[in-house]
Amino acid sequence: MNLYTLLAARAARGRPVRVGLIGAGKFGSMVLSQAQRIAGYHMVAVADLNVSKARESLQRVGWPEEQYQAKTAGEAVQNGTTFVTDDVAALLACEEIECVIEATGHPIAGTRHALAAIEAGKHVVMVNVEADVMVGPILAEKARQKGVIYSMAYGDQPALICELVDWARATGFEVTAAGKGMNFEPRYRYSTPDTVWGFFGWSEEEVAKGDFNPKMYNSFTDGTKAAIEMAAVANGTGLDCADDGLGFPPCGLHDLAKVFRPAADGGRMARSGLVDIAASQEPDGREVFNNIRYGVFVTFKAHNEYSRACFKQYGLLTDSSGWYASMWRPFHIIGLETSISVLSAVLRNEPTGSSKEFRGDAVATAKKDMQPGEMLDGEGGYAVWANAIPASTSLKHAALPIGLAHNVRLKRAVRKDQIVSVNDVELINDIDVVNLRREMEERFRPTPSVAA
């Protein structure tokens, strides 16, 4: 609650918090929109493969053109301006940059960027959940060894869920479930980039007017993004993924404590301590009343009659028994809030959520029957969706993480809804990241969950 005070004190001493951003897409644009408004927060460099597009992002969010004309990072530091480049190495070579925000959304590139930033002695705010769920625990360990912070991005749902879980545990409650809201119906599971706009209710004309990435939006629709984020939450909190993956029970705000309690007490969770999604649509497409589509939540249990009575006295939303209650945040505004993570890392030396263990995994699962020779096209594509399952189950099946399922060829047939194994594909590219993943699997080999 005092980040702004700490930042003001730094700024008064002539020591602004200096930041580098990798990736100037939608998330990066939101980061840039707020960065110009925070006194003592200096965006020294922005790196993107498309420099012209990065400059367009800066212009679109209201930066004066003269503010991002620096020719080098050193010039930007000296003059308080910003250097725009396609050279990530040049950004990382700037000693004055204390924290790097990785916002490319590309799991392979994101892994490499994070490793290089950590090696350069810089804190990392990992917007790239795709990379984090694939190798986050070992990246966090490498950061600890270098004395820097590896953090989830505040404002994105995984970090906000971790915050709610931490709040519940720090106040002495048993966490029974945690997750987020999302627009989902079972038929969405097999959506492709060709069909996704119909699920959003957008016409071809509306899509043509915008700068929309069909694969990105399809990963939101088919449940892949949800699996990635919930597995990351499991790794950051010690909660578990259900043995058969996310259930997506439809649920509105007033029923969170009823639905997200153990089945033994009338809920929809197989047991206490799981992550899942509160779907904002019924399976038949009807809108759930008072849904939390853009929010996050935690459900928790009173430990005695006195706490249970307090739940009622102070108006918490509980189940009918009064033992289970819910707390939630109705909205998240992703990149507009990311500075909280940067300032927490630099000024407090604390992450806003971080992968502590390999507990959940987002694994590639076939959208259709496929034959040897066919190509997988990764997150949001035509071939696979991701399911969030216990890491112990993933290792048992030698499952292919969704982050390694792009541009790889099948060497064995797979059936629709079958988990794709690393033994089903030819892993001949990006061997450095493949080996890092294997190192993580060995070093953080999980114990089976209670229900496994």
Foldseek 3Di string as FASTA:
>chain_A
DCLLVLLVVCVVVVQAQEEEEEACDPLVLLLLLQQVVRRSYADLEYAYLDQVVNLVSNVVSPHDNVQAPDCASVSCVVPSGYHYYNDLVRVLVPLSHAEYEYDHLAQLVLVVSLVSNLVSVHAYAYCNLLNCQLQFQVSQVSNVVSLFHYAYFALPPLLVQLVQLCVQVVVPWFWFEKEAAAAAAQVLQQDALVCLVVVVVDDPVRVVVDDDDSLVSSLRRNCQVRQSSQQQSCLQHVFAADAVFADQAADADLCCQQARADVVVPHVHVHGRHYYYHHQADNVGHGRPRHLNAKIKIKTFDPDPVVLVVCVVVPFRHDPVSGMGMDMDRHGDNSNRRVVQSSCRPSVVDYSTGRNANFKAWFWFFSAKDAFFDAFAARSHNTTGTGIHTVLVCVVQQTHGRSQRHGWTFHGIDGHRHGDHPVRTDRDPSVVSVVSSVVRCVVRVDDDDPVD
